[in-house]
C-alpha atoms as a PDB file:
ATOM      1  CA  UNK A   1     -31.157  22.673 -87.182  1.00  0.00           C
ATOM      2  CA  UNK A   2     -31.636  26.299 -88.160  1.00  0.00           C
ATOM      3  CA  UNK A   3     -30.813  28.639 -85.294  1.00  0.00           C
ATOM      4  CA  UNK A   4     -34.254  30.276 -85.185  1.00  0.00           C
ATOM      5  CA  UNK A   5     -35.948  26.868 -85.001  1.00  0.00           C
ATOM      6  CA  UNK A   6     -33.542  25.792 -82.313  1.00  0.00           C
ATOM      7  CA  UNK A   7     -34.155  28.948 -80.309  1.00  0.00           C
ATOM      8  CA  UNK A   8     -37.940  28.582 -80.490  1.00  0.00           C
ATOM      9  CA  UNK A   9     -37.741  24.949 -79.420  1.00  0.00           C
ATOM     10  CA  UNK A  10     -35.402  25.831 -76.567  1.00  0.00           C
ATOM     11  CA  UNK A  11     -37.882  28.453 -75.351  1.00  0.00           C
ATOM     12  CA  UNK A  12     -40.652  25.844 -75.273  1.00  0.00           C
ATOM     13  CA  UNK A  13     -38.452  23.400 -73.365  1.00  0.00           C
ATOM     14  CA  UNK A  14     -37.507  26.024 -70.775  1.00  0.00           C
ATOM     15  CA  UNK A  15     -41.174  27.004 -70.438  1.00  0.00           C
ATOM     16  CA  UNK A  16     -42.075  23.372 -69.722  1.00  0.00           C
ATOM     17  CA  UNK A  17     -39.328  23.064 -67.125  1.00  0.00           C
ATOM     18  CA  UNK A  18     -40.443  26.305 -65.446  1.00  0.00           C
ATOM     19  CA  UNK A  19     -44.045  25.079 -65.341  1.00  0.00           C
ATOM     20  CA  UNK A  20     -42.912  22.014 -63.383  1.00  0.00           C
ATOM     21  CA  UNK A  21     -41.019  24.190 -60.915  1.00  0.00           C
ATOM     22  CA  UNK A  22     -44.075  26.454 -60.469  1.00  0.00           C
ATOM     23  CA  UNK A  23     -46.488  23.535 -60.102  1.00  0.00           C
ATOM     24  CA  UNK A  24     -44.885  20.513 -58.399  1.00  0.00           C
ATOM     25  CA  UNK A  25     -48.259  18.697 -58.416  1.00  0.00           C
ATOM     26  CA  UNK A  26     -48.554  18.736 -62.186  1.00  0.00           C
ATOM     27  CA  UNK A  27     -49.478  15.355 -63.632  1.00  0.00           C
ATOM     28  CA  UNK A  28     -46.293  13.499 -64.558  1.00  0.00           C
ATOM     29  CA  UNK A  29     -47.902  11.783 -67.549  1.00  0.00           C
ATOM     30  CA  UNK A  30     -48.946  15.173 -68.895  1.00  0.00           C
ATOM     31  CA  UNK A  31     -45.364  16.379 -68.535  1.00  0.00           C
ATOM     32  CA  UNK A  32     -44.041  13.257 -70.238  1.00  0.00           C
ATOM     33  CA  UNK A  33     -46.357  13.652 -73.224  1.00  0.00           C
ATOM     34  CA  UNK A  34     -45.346  17.326 -73.526  1.00  0.00           C
ATOM     35  CA  UNK A  35     -41.675  16.342 -73.451  1.00  0.00           C
ATOM     36  CA  UNK A  36     -42.257  13.657 -76.080  1.00  0.00           C
ATOM     37  CA  UNK A  37     -44.080  16.157 -78.319  1.00  0.00           C
ATOM     38  CA  UNK A  38     -41.105  18.510 -78.111  1.00  0.00           C
ATOM     39  CA  UNK A  39     -38.828  15.587 -78.925  1.00  0.00           C
ATOM     40  CA  UNK A  40     -40.916  14.872 -82.005  1.00  0.00           C
ATOM     41  CA  UNK A  41     -40.440  18.512 -83.063  1.00  0.00           C
ATOM     42  CA  UNK A  42     -36.703  18.140 -82.533  1.00  0.00           C
ATOM     43  CA  UNK A  43     -36.567  14.903 -84.507  1.00  0.00           C
ATOM     44  CA  UNK A  44     -38.281  16.533 -87.466  1.00  0.00           C
ATOM     45  CA  UNK A  45     -35.370  18.943 -87.750  1.00  0.00           C
ATOM     46  CA  UNK A  46     -32.707  16.213 -87.841  1.00  0.00           C
ATOM     47  CA  UNK A  47     -34.468  13.492 -89.844  1.00  0.00           C
ATOM     48  CA  UNK A  48     -32.438  14.260 -92.963  1.00  0.00           C
ATOM     49  CA  UNK A  49     -29.255  13.506 -91.015  1.00  0.00           C
ATOM     50  CA  UNK A  50     -30.441  10.153 -89.703  1.00  0.00           C
ATOM     51  CA  UNK A  51     -29.993   6.878 -91.590  1.00  0.00           C
ATOM     52  CA  UNK A  52     -32.385   4.990 -89.309  1.00  0.00           C
ATOM     53  CA  UNK A  53     -35.230   3.112 -91.008  1.00  0.00           C
ATOM     54  CA  UNK A  54     -38.239   1.018 -90.052  1.00  0.00           C
ATOM     55  CA  UNK A  55     -37.449  -2.663 -89.599  1.00  0.00           C
ATOM     56  CA  UNK A  56     -33.779  -2.213 -88.737  1.00  0.00           C
ATOM     57  CA  UNK A  57     -33.978  -2.981 -85.020  1.00  0.00           C
ATOM     58  CA  UNK A  58     -30.272  -3.415 -84.300  1.00  0.00           C
ATOM     59  CA  UNK A  59     -30.361  -0.782 -81.554  1.00  0.00           C
ATOM     60  CA  UNK A  60     -33.139  -2.757 -79.844  1.00  0.00           C
ATOM     61  CA  UNK A  61     -30.548  -5.180 -78.491  1.00  0.00           C
ATOM     62  CA  UNK A  62     -28.581  -2.668 -76.409  1.00  0.00           C
ATOM     63  CA  UNK A  63     -29.367  -1.332 -72.899  1.00  0.00           C
ATOM     64  CA  UNK A  64     -32.504   0.859 -72.765  1.00  0.00           C
ATOM     65  CA  UNK A  65     -32.681   2.860 -69.544  1.00  0.00           C
ATOM     66  CA  UNK A  66     -36.144   4.218 -68.743  1.00  0.00           C
ATOM     67  CA  UNK A  67     -37.947   5.809 -65.783  1.00  0.00           C
ATOM     68  CA  UNK A  68     -40.973   4.523 -63.906  1.00  0.00           C
ATOM     69  CA  UNK A  69     -43.234   7.184 -65.425  1.00  0.00           C
ATOM     70  CA  UNK A  70     -42.166   6.037 -68.891  1.00  0.00           C
ATOM     71  CA  UNK A  71     -42.944   2.432 -67.941  1.00  0.00           C
ATOM     72  CA  UNK A  72     -46.414   3.542 -66.808  1.00  0.00           C
ATOM     73  CA  UNK A  73     -46.938   5.403 -70.064  1.00  0.00           C
ATOM     74  CA  UNK A  74     -45.942   2.331 -72.071  1.00  0.00           C
ATOM     75  CA  UNK A  75     -48.373   0.289 -69.994  1.00  0.00           C
ATOM     76  CA  UNK A  76     -51.235   2.743 -70.532  1.00  0.00           C
ATOM     77  CA  UNK A  77     -50.691   2.990 -74.285  1.00  0.00           C
ATOM     78  CA  UNK A  78     -50.466  -0.773 -74.580  1.00  0.00           C
ATOM     79  CA  UNK A  79     -53.761  -1.124 -72.688  1.00  0.00           C
ATOM     80  CA  UNK A  80     -55.411   1.244 -75.154  1.00  0.00           C
ATOM     81  CA  UNK A  81     -53.992  -0.471 -78.230  1.00  0.00           C
ATOM     82  CA  UNK A  82     -54.263  -4.085 -77.106  1.00  0.00           C
ATOM     83  CA  UNK A  83     -56.756  -3.825 -74.245  1.00  0.00           C
ATOM     84  CA  UNK A  84     -54.247  -5.519 -71.975  1.00  0.00           C
ATOM     85  CA  UNK A  85     -52.252  -4.211 -69.053  1.00  0.00           C
ATOM     86  CA  UNK A  86     -48.659  -5.320 -68.609  1.00  0.00           C
ATOM     87  CA  UNK A  87     -47.291  -6.122 -65.197  1.00  0.00           C
ATOM     88  CA  UNK A  88     -44.654  -3.548 -64.282  1.00  0.00           C
ATOM     89  CA  UNK A  89     -41.798  -4.757 -62.129  1.00  0.00           C
ATOM     90  CA  UNK A  90     -41.273  -1.687 -59.935  1.00  0.00           C
ATOM     91  CA  UNK A  91     -38.953  -3.186 -57.363  1.00  0.00           C
ATOM     92  CA  UNK A  92     -36.328  -0.654 -56.394  1.00  0.00           C
ATOM     93  CA  UNK A  93     -32.862  -1.338 -57.667  1.00  0.00           C
ATOM     94  CA  UNK A  94     -29.726   0.172 -56.233  1.00  0.00           C
ATOM     95  CA  UNK A  95     -27.551   2.048 -58.770  1.00  0.00           C
ATOM     96  CA  UNK A  96     -24.525  -0.148 -58.082  1.00  0.00           C
ATOM     97  CA  UNK A  97     -26.549  -3.273 -58.888  1.00  0.00           C
ATOM     98  CA  UNK A  98     -27.761  -1.753 -62.142  1.00  0.00           C
ATOM     99  CA  UNK A  99     -24.190  -0.774 -63.012  1.00  0.00           C
ATOM    100  CA  UNK A 100     -22.946  -4.295 -62.286  1.00  0.00           C
ATOM    101  CA  UNK A 101     -25.627  -5.815 -64.494  1.00  0.00           C
ATOM    102  CA  UNK A 102     -24.723  -3.397 -67.250  1.00  0.00           C
ATOM    103  CA  UNK A 103     -21.009  -4.163 -66.966  1.00  0.00           C
ATOM    104  CA  UNK A 104     -21.732  -7.889 -67.101  1.00  0.00           C
ATOM    105  CA  UNK A 105     -23.698  -7.447 -70.301  1.00  0.00           C
ATOM    106  CA  UNK A 106     -27.020  -8.475 -68.752  1.00  0.00           C
ATOM    107  CA  UNK A 107     -28.947  -5.710 -70.508  1.00  0.00           C
ATOM    108  CA  UNK A 108     -27.862  -6.754 -73.983  1.00  0.00           C
ATOM    109  CA  UNK A 109     -30.595  -8.729 -75.670  1.00  0.00           C
ATOM    110  CA  UNK A 110     -33.842  -8.344 -77.553  1.00  0.00           C
ATOM    111  CA  UNK A 111     -36.150  -5.619 -76.254  1.00  0.00           C
ATOM    112  CA  UNK A 112     -39.439  -7.173 -75.067  1.00  0.00           C
ATOM    113  CA  UNK A 113     -41.344  -4.867 -77.432  1.00  0.00           C
ATOM    114  CA  UNK A 114     -39.470  -5.764 -80.625  1.00  0.00           C
ATOM    115  CA  UNK A 115     -41.817  -7.934 -82.679  1.00  0.00           C
ATOM    116  CA  UNK A 116     -41.135 -10.655 -85.250  1.00  0.00           C
ATOM    117  CA  UNK A 117     -41.119  -8.101 -88.076  1.00  0.00           C
ATOM    118  CA  UNK A 118     -38.284  -6.237 -86.346  1.00  0.00           C
ATOM    119  CA  UNK A 119     -40.641  -3.386 -85.595  1.00  0.00           C
ATOM    120  CA  UNK A 120     -41.460  -1.676 -82.302  1.00  0.00           C
ATOM    121  CA  UNK A 121     -44.841  -2.609 -80.836  1.00  0.00           C
ATOM    122  CA  UNK A 122     -44.884   0.566 -78.718  1.00  0.00           C
ATOM    123  CA  UNK A 123     -43.370   2.991 -81.213  1.00  0.00           C
ATOM    124  CA  UNK A 124     -45.706   5.855 -80.319  1.00  0.00           C
ATOM    125  CA  UNK A 125     -44.970   5.296 -76.625  1.00  0.00           C
ATOM    126  CA  UNK A 126     -41.262   4.522 -76.998  1.00  0.00           C
ATOM    127  CA  UNK A 127     -39.095   5.991 -74.219  1.00  0.00           C
ATOM    128  CA  UNK A 128     -36.774   8.985 -74.325  1.00  0.00           C
ATOM    129  CA  UNK A 129     -33.611   7.014 -75.020  1.00  0.00           C
ATOM    130  CA  UNK A 130     -35.194   5.417 -78.109  1.00  0.00           C
ATOM    131  CA  UNK A 131     -36.525   8.734 -79.390  1.00  0.00           C
ATOM    132  CA  UNK A 132     -33.095  10.333 -79.161  1.00  0.00           C
ATOM    133  CA  UNK A 133     -30.859   7.618 -80.579  1.00  0.00           C
ATOM    134  CA  UNK A 134     -30.211   8.261 -84.262  1.00  0.00           C
ATOM    135  CA  UNK A 135     -27.392   6.844 -86.358  1.00  0.00           C
ATOM    136  CA  UNK A 136     -25.960   9.484 -88.668  1.00  0.00           C
ATOM    137  CA  UNK A 137     -23.181   7.751 -90.603  1.00  0.00           C
ATOM    138  CA  UNK A 138     -23.876   4.246 -91.907  1.00  0.00           C
ATOM    139  CA  UNK A 139     -26.450   1.695 -90.747  1.00  0.00           C
ATOM    140  CA  UNK A 140     -23.933  -1.093 -91.433  1.00  0.00           C
ATOM    141  CA  UNK A 141     -22.130  -0.032 -88.255  1.00  0.00           C
ATOM    142  CA  UNK A 142     -25.293  -0.864 -86.301  1.00  0.00           C
ATOM    143  CA  UNK A 143     -25.248  -4.361 -87.782  1.00  0.00           C
ATOM    144  CA  UNK A 144     -21.581  -4.740 -86.849  1.00  0.00           C
ATOM    145  CA  UNK A 145     -22.379  -3.842 -83.244  1.00  0.00           C
ATOM    146  CA  UNK A 146     -25.318  -6.249 -83.236  1.00  0.00           C
ATOM    147  CA  UNK A 147     -23.157  -9.116 -84.481  1.00  0.00           C
ATOM    148  CA  UNK A 148     -20.642  -8.367 -81.740  1.00  0.00           C
ATOM    149  CA  UNK A 149     -23.414  -8.625 -79.163  1.00  0.00           C
ATOM    150  CA  UNK A 150     -24.399 -12.050 -80.493  1.00  0.00           C
ATOM    151  CA  UNK A 151     -20.821 -13.255 -80.304  1.00  0.00           C
ATOM    152  CA  UNK A 152     -19.992 -11.792 -76.918  1.00  0.00           C
ATOM    153  CA  UNK A 153     -22.208  -9.547 -74.814  1.00  0.00           C
ATOM    154  CA  UNK A 154     -19.162  -7.969 -73.195  1.00  0.00           C
ATOM    155  CA  UNK A 155     -17.365  -7.199 -76.449  1.00  0.00           C
ATOM    156  CA  UNK A 156     -18.611  -3.634 -76.746  1.00  0.00           C
ATOM    157  CA  UNK A 157     -18.005  -2.864 -73.080  1.00  0.00           C
ATOM    158  CA  UNK A 158     -14.465  -4.192 -73.209  1.00  0.00           C
ATOM    159  CA  UNK A 159     -13.551  -2.611 -76.569  1.00  0.00           C
ATOM    160  CA  UNK A 160     -15.921   0.348 -77.099  1.00  0.00           C
ATOM    161  CA  UNK A 161     -13.572   2.104 -79.523  1.00  0.00           C
ATOM    162  CA  UNK A 162     -14.092  -0.709 -82.043  1.00  0.00           C
ATOM    163  CA  UNK A 163     -17.824  -0.112 -82.222  1.00  0.00           C
ATOM    164  CA  UNK A 164     -18.109   3.650 -81.980  1.00  0.00           C
ATOM    165  CA  UNK A 165     -20.071   5.365 -84.723  1.00  0.00           C
ATOM    166  CA  UNK A 166     -21.787   8.694 -85.160  1.00  0.00           C
ATOM    167  CA  UNK A 167     -25.058   9.087 -83.284  1.00  0.00           C
ATOM    168  CA  UNK A 168     -27.289  11.817 -81.936  1.00  0.00           C
ATOM    169  CA  UNK A 169     -28.446  11.360 -78.359  1.00  0.00           C
ATOM    170  CA  UNK A 170     -28.964  13.267 -75.116  1.00  0.00           C
ATOM    171  CA  UNK A 171     -25.269  13.784 -74.419  1.00  0.00           C
ATOM    172  CA  UNK A 172     -24.824  15.703 -77.669  1.00  0.00           C
ATOM    173  CA  UNK A 173     -27.345  18.476 -77.338  1.00  0.00           C
ATOM    174  CA  UNK A 174     -28.384  20.941 -74.631  1.00  0.00           C
ATOM    175  CA  UNK A 175     -32.068  20.793 -75.626  1.00  0.00           C
ATOM    176  CA  UNK A 176     -32.122  17.010 -75.263  1.00  0.00           C
ATOM    177  CA  UNK A 177     -30.360  17.181 -71.900  1.00  0.00           C
ATOM    178  CA  UNK A 178     -32.979  19.641 -70.652  1.00  0.00           C
ATOM    179  CA  UNK A 179     -35.794  17.378 -71.807  1.00  0.00           C
ATOM    180  CA  UNK A 180     -34.169  14.409 -70.108  1.00  0.00           C
ATOM    181  CA  UNK A 181     -33.860  16.441 -66.896  1.00  0.00           C
ATOM    182  CA  UNK A 182     -37.573  17.246 -67.099  1.00  0.00           C
ATOM    183  CA  UNK A 183     -38.447  13.543 -67.265  1.00  0.00           C
ATOM    184  CA  UNK A 184     -36.108  12.673 -64.398  1.00  0.00           C
ATOM    185  CA  UNK A 185     -37.491  15.488 -62.221  1.00  0.00           C
ATOM    186  CA  UNK A 186     -41.051  14.306 -62.868  1.00  0.00           C
ATOM    187  CA  UNK A 187     -39.997  10.804 -61.871  1.00  0.00           C
ATOM    188  CA  UNK A 188     -38.420  11.856 -58.550  1.00  0.00           C
ATOM    189  CA  UNK A 189     -41.620  11.775 -56.515  1.00  0.00           C
ATOM    190  CA  UNK A 190     -41.745   7.994 -56.843  1.00  0.00           C
ATOM    191  CA  UNK A 191     -38.471   7.648 -55.004  1.00  0.00           C
ATOM    192  CA  UNK A 192     -36.803   5.689 -57.798  1.00  0.00           C
ATOM    193  CA  UNK A 193     -34.922   8.472 -59.533  1.00  0.00           C
ATOM    194  CA  UNK A 194     -32.369   6.160 -61.110  1.00  0.00           C
ATOM    195  CA  UNK A 195     -33.066   4.550 -64.439  1.00  0.00           C
ATOM    196  CA  UNK A 196     -33.818   0.871 -64.840  1.00  0.00           C
ATOM    197  CA  UNK A 197     -33.491  -1.079 -68.038  1.00  0.00           C
ATOM    198  CA  UNK A 198     -36.717  -1.674 -69.946  1.00  0.00           C
ATOM    199  CA  UNK A 199     -36.119  -5.407 -69.501  1.00  0.00           C
ATOM    200  CA  UNK A 200     -36.232  -4.884 -65.719  1.00  0.00           C
ATOM    201  CA  UNK A 201     -39.612  -3.149 -65.890  1.00  0.00           C
ATOM    202  CA  UNK A 202     -41.086  -5.646 -68.361  1.00  0.00           C
ATOM    203  CA  UNK A 203     -39.230  -8.943 -67.836  1.00  0.00           C
ATOM    204  CA  UNK A 204     -41.957 -11.180 -69.295  1.00  0.00           C
ATOM    205  CA  UNK A 205     -44.548 -10.247 -71.926  1.00  0.00           C
END
């Protein structure tokens, strides 16, 4: 990303975060859409570095942590597109339980929104973690990880160094971390600050 583009985007992100601090009653869905729009701007600047393509879908079998406000947004968009609400499982889940499920490989499996064409049914409403996960080296590594999941859900957790490849996500960039913070802050008022896997929010479709 060119430095001037990065600086302008950073200014917009900081402005959004400051607006939340100045107005704690701001609509969380409005904040989420603003954050997603800024993410789209960010993604435009890195698209030439990403090898991701429509119909791949390998990353749709790994854990996908989302917030309640993102689950609501997915539900609202789905209702508009398909005229059908989805039941959201909003039972609170303690962090240690979520961690145990993750360590046991429970969150590895097909995302409920991945269709038979290996395409995302909620692409325009996809959560933060999906918008910020880009493979930058070789898509064949994604397939290798997917095959490992099919063979043994715990394989990646037990031997992560065997499946590591180059990606861009929220841990790599200050702008993305700020945007993630904005989403988490907006989610705090619901009392379920911690992320839940998308499969927990939408267990049956």
